[in-house]
Amino acid sequence: MKAFDVRPRLKGLVLKIEKAGEKVQDSEGVEWEKCVFTVALKGYSKRTPQLELDKKLVDREVKLVRYCAYDWHYKLGVSKTLDPEETEAVLKGETDLTGV
């Protein structure tokens, strides 16, 4: 059984999704498209309720890369949780986490 990573994670709301045009196919034949999500930070995930996001970071827009295959992956206004590495980068001041 894989242990859960307990490092803090930020979350925010998806404002915009841009298709990058790069596509990959998984082992089951599903085609996944690389997308750049623009997310407005709102706070920490529910697993870390004791932490409070610095006010200067609230509503800051960050760009993330995610792969999308199904229609529900493209919804705007939904909550998106950053992984621990992305969270650490944002807390250090980075806003473009696309790696491009």
N, C-alpha and C. Protein backbone atom coordinates (compact mmCIF):
# COMPACT_ATOMS: atom_id res chain seq x y z
N MET A 1 0.84 -1.18 0.00
CA MET A 1 0.00 0.00 0.00
C MET A 1 0.89 1.25 0.00
N LYS A 2 0.56 2.20 -0.84
CA LYS A 2 1.33 3.43 -0.97
C LYS A 2 0.95 4.41 0.14
N ALA A 3 1.96 4.96 0.81
CA ALA A 3 1.71 5.93 1.88
C ALA A 3 1.27 7.26 1.28
N PHE A 4 0.36 7.93 1.95
CA PHE A 4 -0.13 9.23 1.49
C PHE A 4 0.88 10.31 1.84
N ASP A 5 1.16 11.17 0.90
CA ASP A 5 2.08 12.30 1.10
C ASP A 5 1.36 13.35 1.95
N VAL A 6 1.87 13.62 3.14
CA VAL A 6 1.18 14.52 4.07
C VAL A 6 1.63 15.97 3.95
N ARG A 7 2.49 16.28 2.97
CA ARG A 7 2.91 17.67 2.81
C ARG A 7 1.70 18.53 2.42
N PRO A 8 1.71 19.81 2.81
CA PRO A 8 0.57 20.70 2.50
C PRO A 8 0.38 20.88 1.00
N ARG A 9 -0.88 21.11 0.62
CA ARG A 9 -1.24 21.35 -0.77
C ARG A 9 -2.15 22.56 -0.84
N LEU A 10 -1.89 23.42 -1.81
CA LEU A 10 -2.76 24.57 -2.05
C LEU A 10 -3.89 24.16 -2.98
N LYS A 11 -4.98 24.91 -2.92
CA LYS A 11 -6.07 24.68 -3.87
C LYS A 11 -6.57 26.02 -4.37
N GLY A 12 -7.25 25.96 -5.49
CA GLY A 12 -7.81 27.17 -6.07
C GLY A 12 -8.90 26.84 -7.05
N LEU A 13 -9.42 27.87 -7.72
CA LEU A 13 -10.49 27.69 -8.70
C LEU A 13 -9.94 27.84 -10.11
N VAL A 14 -10.39 26.96 -11.00
CA VAL A 14 -9.95 27.00 -12.39
C VAL A 14 -10.62 28.17 -13.10
N LEU A 15 -9.79 29.08 -13.65
CA LEU A 15 -10.30 30.25 -14.36
C LEU A 15 -10.28 30.05 -15.88
N LYS A 16 -9.24 29.35 -16.35
CA LYS A 16 -9.06 29.21 -17.79
C LYS A 16 -8.31 27.92 -18.08
N ILE A 17 -8.63 27.29 -19.23
CA ILE A 17 -7.93 26.09 -19.67
C ILE A 17 -7.53 26.29 -21.13
N GLU A 18 -6.24 26.16 -21.40
CA GLU A 18 -5.73 26.29 -22.76
C GLU A 18 -5.18 24.94 -23.21
N LYS A 19 -5.62 24.47 -24.36
CA LYS A 19 -5.11 23.22 -24.91
C LYS A 19 -3.74 23.49 -25.52
N ALA A 20 -2.76 22.64 -25.17
CA ALA A 20 -1.39 22.84 -25.65
C ALA A 20 -1.15 22.14 -26.99
N GLY A 21 -2.06 21.26 -27.39
CA GLY A 21 -1.91 20.59 -28.67
C GLY A 21 -1.15 19.28 -28.62
N GLU A 22 -0.46 19.02 -27.54
CA GLU A 22 0.29 17.77 -27.39
C GLU A 22 -0.65 16.68 -26.89
N LYS A 23 -0.63 15.53 -27.55
CA LYS A 23 -1.51 14.43 -27.15
C LYS A 23 -0.71 13.17 -26.92
N VAL A 24 -1.16 12.38 -25.95
CA VAL A 24 -0.56 11.08 -25.67
C VAL A 24 -1.69 10.07 -25.51
N GLN A 25 -1.37 8.81 -25.77
CA GLN A 25 -2.37 7.77 -25.65
C GLN A 25 -1.93 6.81 -24.55
N ASP A 26 -2.85 6.46 -23.66
CA ASP A 26 -2.50 5.55 -22.58
C ASP A 26 -2.62 4.10 -23.04
N SER A 27 -2.32 3.18 -22.13
CA SER A 27 -2.31 1.75 -22.47
C SER A 27 -3.70 1.21 -22.84
N GLU A 28 -4.75 1.93 -22.46
CA GLU A 28 -6.11 1.50 -22.78
C GLU A 28 -6.65 2.18 -24.03
N GLY A 29 -5.82 2.98 -24.70
CA GLY A 29 -6.22 3.64 -25.93
C GLY A 29 -6.90 4.98 -25.76
N VAL A 30 -6.95 5.50 -24.53
CA VAL A 30 -7.57 6.80 -24.28
C VAL A 30 -6.57 7.90 -24.63
N GLU A 31 -7.02 8.87 -25.41
CA GLU A 31 -6.16 9.98 -25.83
C GLU A 31 -6.25 11.12 -24.81
N TRP A 32 -5.10 11.52 -24.27
CA TRP A 32 -5.01 12.59 -23.29
C TRP A 32 -4.33 13.79 -23.91
N GLU A 33 -4.88 14.98 -23.70
CA GLU A 33 -4.31 16.20 -24.26
C GLU A 33 -3.71 17.06 -23.15
N LYS A 34 -2.50 17.55 -23.41
CA LYS A 34 -1.83 18.43 -22.45
C LYS A 34 -2.54 19.77 -22.44
N CYS A 35 -2.87 20.26 -21.24
CA CYS A 35 -3.58 21.53 -21.08
C CYS A 35 -2.88 22.37 -20.02
N VAL A 36 -2.97 23.69 -20.20
CA VAL A 36 -2.44 24.62 -19.20
C VAL A 36 -3.64 25.23 -18.48
N PHE A 37 -3.71 24.99 -17.18
CA PHE A 37 -4.80 25.50 -16.34
C PHE A 37 -4.34 26.78 -15.65
N THR A 38 -5.17 27.80 -15.68
CA THR A 38 -4.93 29.01 -14.88
C THR A 38 -5.84 28.89 -13.66
N VAL A 39 -5.21 28.89 -12.49
CA VAL A 39 -5.92 28.66 -11.23
C VAL A 39 -5.72 29.86 -10.31
N ALA A 40 -6.82 30.36 -9.72
CA ALA A 40 -6.75 31.43 -8.72
C ALA A 40 -6.68 30.79 -7.34
N LEU A 41 -5.60 31.01 -6.63
CA LEU A 41 -5.41 30.38 -5.32
C LEU A 41 -6.45 30.86 -4.32
N LYS A 42 -6.96 29.93 -3.50
CA LYS A 42 -7.97 30.26 -2.49
C LYS A 42 -7.54 29.87 -1.08
N GLY A 43 -6.67 28.87 -0.95
CA GLY A 43 -6.26 28.44 0.38
C GLY A 43 -5.59 27.09 0.32
N TYR A 44 -5.49 26.46 1.48
CA TYR A 44 -4.92 25.12 1.56
C TYR A 44 -6.04 24.09 1.40
N SER A 45 -5.66 22.88 1.03
CA SER A 45 -6.65 21.82 0.86
C SER A 45 -7.27 21.46 2.21
N LYS A 46 -8.37 20.73 2.16
CA LYS A 46 -9.09 20.40 3.40
C LYS A 46 -8.29 19.49 4.32
N ARG A 47 -7.23 18.87 3.82
CA ARG A 47 -6.41 18.00 4.67
C ARG A 47 -5.50 18.80 5.61
N THR A 48 -5.39 20.10 5.36
CA THR A 48 -4.55 20.96 6.21
C THR A 48 -5.33 22.19 6.65
N PRO A 49 -6.44 22.00 7.38
CA PRO A 49 -7.29 23.14 7.77
C PRO A 49 -6.61 24.09 8.75
N GLN A 50 -5.58 23.64 9.44
CA GLN A 50 -4.90 24.49 10.42
C GLN A 50 -4.00 25.53 9.76
N LEU A 51 -3.70 25.37 8.47
CA LEU A 51 -2.85 26.33 7.77
C LEU A 51 -3.70 27.39 7.09
N GLU A 52 -3.20 28.61 7.08
CA GLU A 52 -3.91 29.71 6.43
C GLU A 52 -2.99 30.33 5.38
N LEU A 53 -3.52 30.53 4.19
CA LEU A 53 -2.75 31.09 3.09
C LEU A 53 -2.48 32.57 3.33
N ASP A 54 -1.25 32.98 3.09
CA ASP A 54 -0.85 34.39 3.21
C ASP A 54 -1.78 35.23 2.34
N LYS A 55 -2.27 36.32 2.87
CA LYS A 55 -3.25 37.16 2.15
C LYS A 55 -2.73 37.66 0.80
N LYS A 56 -1.42 37.86 0.68
CA LYS A 56 -0.87 38.33 -0.60
C LYS A 56 -0.92 37.24 -1.68
N LEU A 57 -1.14 35.99 -1.28
CA LEU A 57 -1.24 34.90 -2.25
C LEU A 57 -2.68 34.57 -2.63
N VAL A 58 -3.65 35.02 -1.83
CA VAL A 58 -5.05 34.74 -2.14
C VAL A 58 -5.42 35.42 -3.46
N ASP A 59 -6.05 34.68 -4.33
CA ASP A 59 -6.47 35.11 -5.67
C ASP A 59 -5.31 35.27 -6.66
N ARG A 60 -4.09 34.95 -6.25
CA ARG A 60 -2.98 34.99 -7.20
C ARG A 60 -3.20 33.88 -8.24
N GLU A 61 -2.96 34.22 -9.49
CA GLU A 61 -3.16 33.25 -10.57
C GLU A 61 -1.86 32.50 -10.84
N VAL A 62 -1.97 31.18 -10.90
CA VAL A 62 -0.84 30.33 -11.24
C VAL A 62 -1.22 29.45 -12.42
N LYS A 63 -0.23 29.04 -13.20
CA LYS A 63 -0.47 28.18 -14.35
C LYS A 63 0.10 26.80 -14.06
N LEU A 64 -0.73 25.78 -14.32
CA LEU A 64 -0.37 24.39 -14.07
C LEU A 64 -0.58 23.56 -15.33
N VAL A 65 0.16 22.48 -15.46
CA VAL A 65 -0.05 21.56 -16.56
C VAL A 65 -0.82 20.35 -16.04
N ARG A 66 -1.87 20.00 -16.75
CA ARG A 66 -2.64 18.79 -16.46
C ARG A 66 -2.98 18.14 -17.80
N TYR A 67 -3.23 16.85 -17.78
CA TYR A 67 -3.66 16.15 -18.99
C TYR A 67 -5.15 15.87 -18.88
N CYS A 68 -5.87 16.11 -19.98
CA CYS A 68 -7.33 16.00 -20.01
C CYS A 68 -7.74 15.00 -21.08
N ALA A 69 -8.76 14.20 -20.77
CA ALA A 69 -9.27 13.25 -21.75
C ALA A 69 -10.79 13.31 -21.86
N TYR A 70 -11.45 13.62 -20.78
CA TYR A 70 -12.91 13.57 -20.75
C TYR A 70 -13.48 14.97 -20.58
N ASP A 71 -14.75 15.14 -20.93
CA ASP A 71 -15.37 16.46 -20.89
C ASP A 71 -15.33 17.10 -19.50
N TRP A 72 -15.43 16.33 -18.44
CA TRP A 72 -15.43 16.92 -17.10
C TRP A 72 -14.05 17.45 -16.70
N HIS A 73 -13.00 17.09 -17.42
CA HIS A 73 -11.67 17.64 -17.15
C HIS A 73 -11.56 19.10 -17.57
N TYR A 74 -12.48 19.56 -18.41
CA TYR A 74 -12.41 20.91 -18.97
C TYR A 74 -13.34 21.91 -18.28
N LYS A 75 -13.85 21.60 -17.11
CA LYS A 75 -14.80 22.50 -16.43
C LYS A 75 -14.09 23.69 -15.79
N LEU A 76 -14.71 24.84 -15.93
CA LEU A 76 -14.20 26.06 -15.30
C LEU A 76 -14.93 26.28 -13.97
N GLY A 77 -14.28 26.97 -13.04
CA GLY A 77 -14.91 27.28 -11.76
C GLY A 77 -14.86 26.16 -10.74
N VAL A 78 -14.22 25.05 -11.09
CA VAL A 78 -14.11 23.94 -10.15
C VAL A 78 -12.83 24.06 -9.34
N SER A 79 -12.78 23.37 -8.23
CA SER A 79 -11.61 23.39 -7.37
C SER A 79 -10.51 22.51 -7.96
N LYS A 80 -9.28 22.97 -7.87
CA LYS A 80 -8.12 22.21 -8.35
C LYS A 80 -7.07 22.25 -7.26
N THR A 81 -6.56 21.08 -6.86
CA THR A 81 -5.54 21.00 -5.83
C THR A 81 -4.17 20.85 -6.46
N LEU A 82 -3.22 21.63 -6.00
CA LEU A 82 -1.85 21.55 -6.47
C LEU A 82 -1.15 20.40 -5.75
N ASP A 83 -0.19 19.77 -6.42
CA ASP A 83 0.56 18.73 -5.73
C ASP A 83 1.60 19.39 -4.81
N PRO A 84 2.22 18.63 -3.91
CA PRO A 84 3.16 19.23 -2.94
C PRO A 84 4.31 20.00 -3.59
N GLU A 85 4.85 19.49 -4.70
CA GLU A 85 5.95 20.19 -5.37
C GLU A 85 5.48 21.53 -5.94
N GLU A 86 4.29 21.54 -6.54
CA GLU A 86 3.73 22.78 -7.07
C GLU A 86 3.47 23.77 -5.93
N THR A 87 2.95 23.28 -4.82
CA THR A 87 2.69 24.12 -3.65
C THR A 87 3.98 24.77 -3.16
N GLU A 88 5.04 23.98 -3.04
CA GLU A 88 6.33 24.52 -2.59
C GLU A 88 6.84 25.60 -3.54
N ALA A 89 6.69 25.39 -4.84
CA ALA A 89 7.15 26.37 -5.83
C ALA A 89 6.36 27.67 -5.71
N VAL A 90 5.04 27.58 -5.53
CA VAL A 90 4.21 28.78 -5.40
C VAL A 90 4.59 29.54 -4.13
N LEU A 91 4.82 28.84 -3.05
CA LEU A 91 5.20 29.50 -1.80
C LEU A 91 6.56 30.18 -1.90
N LYS A 92 7.38 29.75 -2.87
CA LYS A 92 8.67 30.40 -3.13
C LYS A 92 8.54 31.56 -4.11
N GLY A 93 7.32 31.80 -4.62
CA GLY A 93 7.09 32.95 -5.49
C GLY A 93 6.86 32.66 -6.96
N GLU A 94 6.92 31.40 -7.37
CA GLU A 94 6.71 31.07 -8.78
C GLU A 94 5.22 31.07 -9.10
N THR A 95 4.87 31.54 -10.31
CA THR A 95 3.47 31.52 -10.72
C THR A 95 3.26 30.73 -12.01
N ASP A 96 4.32 30.49 -12.77
CA ASP A 96 4.21 29.71 -14.00
C ASP A 96 4.87 28.36 -13.78
N LEU A 97 4.04 27.35 -13.55
CA LEU A 97 4.55 26.01 -13.24
C LEU A 97 4.40 25.08 -14.44
N THR A 98 4.40 25.65 -15.63
CA THR A 98 4.20 24.84 -16.84
C THR A 98 5.48 24.20 -17.33
N GLY A 99 6.62 24.73 -16.92
CA GLY A 99 7.88 24.17 -17.36
C GLY A 99 8.23 24.47 -18.80
N VAL A 100 7.53 25.43 -19.42
CA VAL A 100 7.82 25.80 -20.81
C VAL A 100 8.66 27.04 -20.87
